[in-house]
């Protein structure tokens, strides 16, 4: 009897379950149900990785849903950083780890389809680049661990319970906070002091809090700087063209392109329209300035991806996403494109060159 009880207990612990009926012997190695449950609780954090890792090829499986197309150099750079960091942590693709990668490319429907596809593969952990990728994944699973690195309002959007104690199956890293819009607005006013109105452009379908994430801080900063705030919600390229053309027709206008999946996917369009309509613009990602945008200020996204890889490693080794606090970015970049400034007839303040992390000639 004792031997059978021990086998039953071992099976239950290995599979992280408490059987409806457990035989408790009153002879050797006696154990009560309460003690058995306590034993199970003390070992649960060690067993889930072993239980999940029973894939046919014997490798741990990571899924990743990205925000760009696979032809996008920035997306490729972030994926390379993810793979490199995982390798440094001991996860070698093709040896003990398989990476199933999908590229959403800013397309909402395509992203939803990929989210369902990746969850169906039953990976050990999923990497969701930003909110637009996290949202459909969170609807598909409440059990598979998910690590994100770009959802800016995870509590308000209902993904986690709190930053310190996420709870559930989701954790990760934010990249933006509402107060950053004041930095963007103030920087625009510095380089173009005559600016009288500034529009922030955002797609509510892919941005945090349905596009309202920055609005309160935007209006507050605008009032302080004596600037008229304009909010433009866009859903497609035609909306973007109309919004920026309207700014071009009004003198002393400025533009803030809120960083999110849609605006990133269409960054060449935003840059071209801002230049054509002669509207000074600031962006939240350095890739905009590198592509020809006037200036950008935002987090180092590659660094954030590397930090997310660290969380993936910790989950694969047995930690729970519910216990890993959501963290804010630690590295930021200010980039100026001198060529674009000259084309717009703007004089770059000397202080900008001192503050800039990169000056593009």
Foldseek 3Di string as FASTA:
>chain_A
DVVVLVVVLVVCLLVLHQDPDGDADPDPPGDDSVRSVVVSVVCVLQRPLVVLQPDPVSAAEEEEEELADPVDPVRVLLVVLLQVLLVVVPHHDPPRYDYHYDYPHLPLVSLLVVLLVVVVVSGQEYEYAAQSNVVSNVVNDQARAYEYAAYACCCVVPNAVAQQFRPTRYAYEHWDALLVLLVFVVQVCVFQVLAAEEEEEEALNWHPPSQCRNVVNNVVSCVVSNHHYHYQHDDDLVSLLVVLLVQLVDPRYAYEYEDTSNCVSVLVSNQVSCLVSLHQYEYADVVSVVSPHFKYKTAPSSVRSSVSSVVVSVVSSRDGNSNNGYYYGDGMFIEGEVVSCVSSVTDDDPVSVVPHPYYHD
